[in-house]
């Protein structure tokens, strides 16, 4: 094969390499709703209790906790700070139990 038969010079810029693609811009986040009620929480809260407070199902609560980067299983407890952050998305304020 001669150098003129090779297709190395014919590549051009199409398709563009993956690393040259523009990064996706994150979607603008919605502001949290105003707080319309407060709950008192212990230091650790179960996922089932968070589901009961918000009126969501356990799978929906676990999905939202993953979005907040709080990865845990169904039977593990959520720390107070994480639970308060989660509840804030639903317009619920959290107070720490004494």
N, C-alpha and C. Protein backbone atom coordinates (compact mmCIF):
# COMPACT_ATOMS: atom_id res chain seq x y z
N UNK A 1 0.83 -1.15 0.00
CA UNK A 1 0.00 0.00 0.00
C UNK A 1 0.89 1.24 0.00
N UNK A 2 0.57 2.17 -0.86
CA UNK A 2 1.36 3.38 -0.92
C UNK A 2 0.81 4.41 0.06
N UNK A 3 1.58 5.45 0.30
CA UNK A 3 1.17 6.50 1.25
C UNK A 3 -0.07 7.23 0.76
N UNK A 4 -0.27 7.31 -0.57
CA UNK A 4 -1.43 8.02 -1.08
C UNK A 4 -2.72 7.22 -0.89
N UNK A 5 -2.61 5.88 -0.75
CA UNK A 5 -3.80 5.06 -0.54
C UNK A 5 -4.27 5.08 0.92
N UNK A 6 -3.41 5.51 1.79
CA UNK A 6 -3.79 5.50 3.19
C UNK A 6 -4.79 6.63 3.46
N UNK A 7 -5.71 6.39 4.36
CA UNK A 7 -6.75 7.38 4.63
C UNK A 7 -6.44 8.22 5.86
N UNK A 8 -5.18 8.26 6.29
CA UNK A 8 -4.83 9.03 7.47
C UNK A 8 -5.02 10.51 7.28
N UNK A 9 -4.77 11.03 6.09
CA UNK A 9 -4.92 12.45 5.85
C UNK A 9 -6.34 12.84 5.52
N UNK A 10 -7.23 11.87 5.35
CA UNK A 10 -8.61 12.14 4.95
C UNK A 10 -9.58 12.19 6.14
N UNK A 11 -9.09 12.05 7.33
CA UNK A 11 -9.98 11.95 8.49
C UNK A 11 -10.74 13.24 8.74
N UNK A 12 -10.11 14.37 8.63
CA UNK A 12 -10.79 15.63 8.88
C UNK A 12 -11.21 15.75 10.34
N UNK A 13 -12.20 16.54 10.59
CA UNK A 13 -12.66 16.75 11.95
C UNK A 13 -14.02 16.13 12.22
N UNK A 14 -14.51 15.30 11.31
CA UNK A 14 -15.82 14.71 11.55
C UNK A 14 -15.72 13.23 11.71
N UNK A 15 -16.29 12.60 12.64
CA UNK A 15 -16.96 13.15 13.81
C UNK A 15 -15.95 13.72 14.78
N UNK A 16 -16.33 14.73 15.53
CA UNK A 16 -15.39 15.32 16.47
C UNK A 16 -15.07 14.34 17.58
N UNK A 17 -13.88 14.41 18.12
CA UNK A 17 -13.55 13.51 19.23
C UNK A 17 -14.44 13.78 20.44
N UNK A 18 -14.64 12.76 21.22
CA UNK A 18 -15.53 12.85 22.37
C UNK A 18 -15.05 13.92 23.35
N UNK A 19 -13.76 14.04 23.54
CA UNK A 19 -13.23 14.96 24.53
C UNK A 19 -13.39 16.43 24.13
N UNK A 20 -13.78 16.67 22.88
CA UNK A 20 -13.95 18.06 22.47
C UNK A 20 -15.40 18.52 22.61
N UNK A 21 -16.28 17.62 23.02
CA UNK A 21 -17.69 18.00 23.18
C UNK A 21 -17.83 18.94 24.37
N UNK A 22 -18.77 19.86 24.27
CA UNK A 22 -19.00 20.80 25.37
C UNK A 22 -19.66 20.05 26.52
N UNK A 23 -19.24 20.34 27.74
CA UNK A 23 -19.90 19.68 28.88
C UNK A 23 -21.33 20.17 29.01
N UNK A 24 -22.17 19.27 29.46
CA UNK A 24 -23.58 19.63 29.66
C UNK A 24 -23.68 20.60 30.82
N UNK A 25 -24.48 21.61 30.63
CA UNK A 25 -24.72 22.57 31.69
C UNK A 25 -25.77 22.00 32.64
N UNK A 26 -25.55 22.10 33.95
CA UNK A 26 -26.57 21.59 34.87
C UNK A 26 -27.84 22.40 34.75
N UNK A 27 -28.95 21.71 34.90
CA UNK A 27 -30.25 22.38 34.83
C UNK A 27 -30.37 23.33 36.03
N UNK A 28 -30.95 24.49 35.81
CA UNK A 28 -31.10 25.41 36.94
C UNK A 28 -32.00 24.77 38.00
N UNK A 29 -31.55 24.82 39.24
CA UNK A 29 -32.32 24.18 40.30
C UNK A 29 -33.46 25.08 40.75
N UNK A 30 -34.54 24.43 41.11
CA UNK A 30 -35.71 25.15 41.60
C UNK A 30 -35.44 25.57 43.04
N UNK A 31 -35.86 26.76 43.45
CA UNK A 31 -35.69 27.14 44.85
C UNK A 31 -36.58 26.27 45.73
N UNK A 32 -36.13 26.05 46.94
CA UNK A 32 -36.92 25.25 47.87
C UNK A 32 -38.23 25.98 48.20
N UNK A 33 -39.30 25.22 48.39
CA UNK A 33 -40.58 25.86 48.74
C UNK A 33 -40.49 26.48 50.14
N UNK A 34 -41.36 27.42 50.44
CA UNK A 34 -41.33 28.01 51.79
C UNK A 34 -41.71 26.95 52.83
N UNK A 35 -41.15 27.09 54.01
CA UNK A 35 -41.44 26.14 55.09
C UNK A 35 -42.84 26.40 55.62
N UNK A 36 -43.66 25.35 55.59
CA UNK A 36 -45.03 25.51 56.08
C UNK A 36 -45.30 24.71 57.34
N UNK A 37 -44.36 23.86 57.73
CA UNK A 37 -44.50 23.14 59.01
C UNK A 37 -43.13 22.68 59.49
N UNK A 38 -43.06 22.35 60.76
CA UNK A 38 -41.81 21.90 61.37
C UNK A 38 -42.04 20.54 62.02
N UNK A 39 -40.99 19.73 62.04
CA UNK A 39 -41.01 18.45 62.74
C UNK A 39 -39.78 18.38 63.63
N UNK A 40 -39.87 17.61 64.69
CA UNK A 40 -38.74 17.38 65.58
C UNK A 40 -38.18 16.01 65.27
N UNK A 41 -36.88 15.95 65.01
CA UNK A 41 -36.24 14.70 64.61
C UNK A 41 -35.14 14.32 65.59
N UNK A 42 -34.95 13.01 65.81
CA UNK A 42 -33.80 12.56 66.60
C UNK A 42 -32.52 12.65 65.77
N UNK A 43 -31.42 12.18 66.31
CA UNK A 43 -30.13 12.24 65.62
C UNK A 43 -30.10 11.37 64.36
N UNK A 44 -30.81 10.24 64.38
CA UNK A 44 -30.93 9.36 63.21
C UNK A 44 -32.40 9.11 62.94
N UNK A 45 -32.76 9.13 61.65
CA UNK A 45 -34.15 8.95 61.23
C UNK A 45 -34.20 7.83 60.20
N UNK A 46 -35.23 7.00 60.26
CA UNK A 46 -35.37 5.93 59.26
C UNK A 46 -35.94 6.49 57.96
N UNK A 47 -35.65 5.79 56.89
CA UNK A 47 -36.17 6.18 55.57
C UNK A 47 -37.69 6.06 55.56
N UNK A 48 -38.22 5.04 56.22
CA UNK A 48 -39.67 4.86 56.28
C UNK A 48 -40.34 6.05 56.97
N UNK A 49 -39.70 6.59 58.01
CA UNK A 49 -40.27 7.74 58.71
C UNK A 49 -40.25 8.98 57.82
N UNK A 50 -39.19 9.17 57.06
CA UNK A 50 -39.14 10.29 56.11
C UNK A 50 -40.23 10.16 55.05
N UNK A 51 -40.47 8.91 54.61
CA UNK A 51 -41.52 8.68 53.62
C UNK A 51 -42.89 9.01 54.22
N UNK A 52 -43.09 8.66 55.48
CA UNK A 52 -44.36 8.94 56.15
C UNK A 52 -44.57 10.45 56.31
N UNK A 53 -43.53 11.17 56.69
CA UNK A 53 -43.65 12.62 56.90
C UNK A 53 -43.97 13.34 55.60
N UNK A 54 -43.31 12.94 54.52
CA UNK A 54 -43.49 13.65 53.24
C UNK A 54 -44.65 13.13 52.42
N UNK A 55 -45.18 11.96 52.76
CA UNK A 55 -46.27 11.38 51.97
C UNK A 55 -45.79 10.71 50.70
N UNK A 56 -44.49 10.47 50.59
CA UNK A 56 -43.90 9.80 49.43
C UNK A 56 -43.72 8.32 49.75
N UNK A 57 -43.46 7.54 48.72
CA UNK A 57 -43.13 6.14 48.91
C UNK A 57 -41.66 5.99 49.25
N UNK A 58 -41.29 4.86 49.85
CA UNK A 58 -39.90 4.63 50.21
C UNK A 58 -38.98 4.68 48.99
N UNK A 59 -39.34 4.07 47.85
CA UNK A 59 -38.45 4.18 46.68
C UNK A 59 -38.24 5.63 46.22
N UNK A 60 -39.27 6.45 46.29
CA UNK A 60 -39.13 7.86 45.90
C UNK A 60 -38.21 8.59 46.87
N UNK A 61 -38.30 8.27 48.16
CA UNK A 61 -37.43 8.89 49.15
C UNK A 61 -35.98 8.48 48.90
N UNK A 62 -35.75 7.20 48.65
CA UNK A 62 -34.39 6.72 48.37
C UNK A 62 -33.82 7.38 47.12
N UNK A 63 -34.64 7.57 46.10
CA UNK A 63 -34.19 8.22 44.87
C UNK A 63 -33.79 9.67 45.14
N UNK A 64 -34.59 10.37 45.91
CA UNK A 64 -34.28 11.76 46.22
C UNK A 64 -33.04 11.86 47.10
N UNK A 65 -32.87 10.93 48.03
CA UNK A 65 -31.67 10.92 48.86
C UNK A 65 -30.42 10.68 48.01
N UNK A 66 -30.54 9.86 46.99
CA UNK A 66 -29.41 9.64 46.07
C UNK A 66 -29.10 10.93 45.31
N UNK A 67 -30.11 11.67 44.91
CA UNK A 67 -29.87 12.96 44.23
C UNK A 67 -29.14 13.93 45.14
N UNK A 68 -29.42 13.83 46.43
CA UNK A 68 -28.74 14.69 47.41
C UNK A 68 -27.40 14.10 47.83
N UNK A 69 -27.01 13.02 47.18
CA UNK A 69 -25.75 12.31 47.44
C UNK A 69 -25.68 11.72 48.84
N UNK A 70 -26.81 11.24 49.31
CA UNK A 70 -26.90 10.53 50.58
C UNK A 70 -27.25 9.08 50.25
N UNK A 71 -26.24 8.28 49.95
CA UNK A 71 -26.46 6.91 49.50
C UNK A 71 -26.57 6.00 50.71
N UNK A 72 -27.69 5.31 50.82
CA UNK A 72 -27.89 4.36 51.91
C UNK A 72 -28.98 3.39 51.54
N UNK A 73 -29.06 2.34 52.30
CA UNK A 73 -30.06 1.32 52.04
C UNK A 73 -31.37 1.62 52.73
N UNK A 74 -32.33 0.80 52.47
CA UNK A 74 -33.68 1.00 52.99
C UNK A 74 -33.73 0.88 54.52
N UNK A 75 -32.87 0.08 55.11
CA UNK A 75 -32.94 -0.19 56.54
C UNK A 75 -31.90 0.58 57.35
N UNK A 76 -31.21 1.53 56.72
CA UNK A 76 -30.25 2.35 57.44
C UNK A 76 -30.88 3.67 57.79
N UNK A 77 -30.38 4.27 58.85
CA UNK A 77 -30.90 5.56 59.26
C UNK A 77 -30.17 6.70 58.56
N UNK A 78 -30.83 7.83 58.53
CA UNK A 78 -30.29 9.04 57.92
C UNK A 78 -29.89 9.98 59.06
N UNK A 79 -28.71 10.56 58.98
CA UNK A 79 -28.27 11.53 59.99
C UNK A 79 -29.20 12.74 59.96
N UNK A 80 -29.24 13.47 61.07
CA UNK A 80 -30.14 14.62 61.19
C UNK A 80 -29.91 15.63 60.08
N UNK A 81 -28.66 15.97 59.78
CA UNK A 81 -28.36 16.99 58.77
C UNK A 81 -28.89 16.59 57.40
N UNK A 82 -28.70 15.32 57.03
CA UNK A 82 -29.20 14.83 55.75
C UNK A 82 -30.72 14.80 55.70
N UNK A 83 -31.34 14.40 56.82
CA UNK A 83 -32.80 14.37 56.87
C UNK A 83 -33.37 15.78 56.78
N UNK A 84 -32.73 16.74 57.44
CA UNK A 84 -33.20 18.12 57.39
C UNK A 84 -33.07 18.67 55.98
N UNK A 85 -31.98 18.35 55.31
CA UNK A 85 -31.78 18.79 53.93
C UNK A 85 -32.83 18.19 53.01
N UNK A 86 -33.14 16.91 53.21
CA UNK A 86 -34.16 16.23 52.42
C UNK A 86 -35.54 16.86 52.66
N UNK A 87 -35.91 17.05 53.91
CA UNK A 87 -37.22 17.59 54.24
C UNK A 87 -37.40 19.02 53.74
N UNK A 88 -36.30 19.77 53.68
CA UNK A 88 -36.38 21.15 53.20
C UNK A 88 -36.88 21.20 51.76
N UNK A 89 -36.58 20.18 50.97
CA UNK A 89 -37.05 20.11 49.59
C UNK A 89 -38.57 19.99 49.51
N UNK A 90 -39.19 19.59 50.60
CA UNK A 90 -40.65 19.43 50.65
C UNK A 90 -41.32 20.52 51.48
N UNK A 91 -40.58 21.55 51.86
CA UNK A 91 -41.16 22.65 52.61
C UNK A 91 -41.37 22.32 54.08
N UNK A 92 -40.56 21.40 54.59
CA UNK A 92 -40.69 20.99 55.99
C UNK A 92 -39.39 21.34 56.70
N UNK A 93 -39.48 22.09 57.78
CA UNK A 93 -38.31 22.42 58.59
C UNK A 93 -38.10 21.36 59.65
N UNK A 94 -36.86 21.18 60.08
CA UNK A 94 -36.54 20.15 61.08
C UNK A 94 -35.87 20.79 62.28
N UNK A 95 -36.35 20.42 63.46
CA UNK A 95 -35.73 20.81 64.72
C UNK A 95 -35.10 19.58 65.33
N UNK A 96 -33.98 19.77 66.00
CA UNK A 96 -33.28 18.66 66.65
C UNK A 96 -33.94 18.35 67.99
N UNK A 97 -34.17 17.07 68.23
CA UNK A 97 -34.74 16.65 69.52
C UNK A 97 -33.66 16.73 70.59
N UNK A 98 -34.08 17.08 71.81
CA UNK A 98 -33.11 17.20 72.92
C UNK A 98 -32.80 15.87 73.52
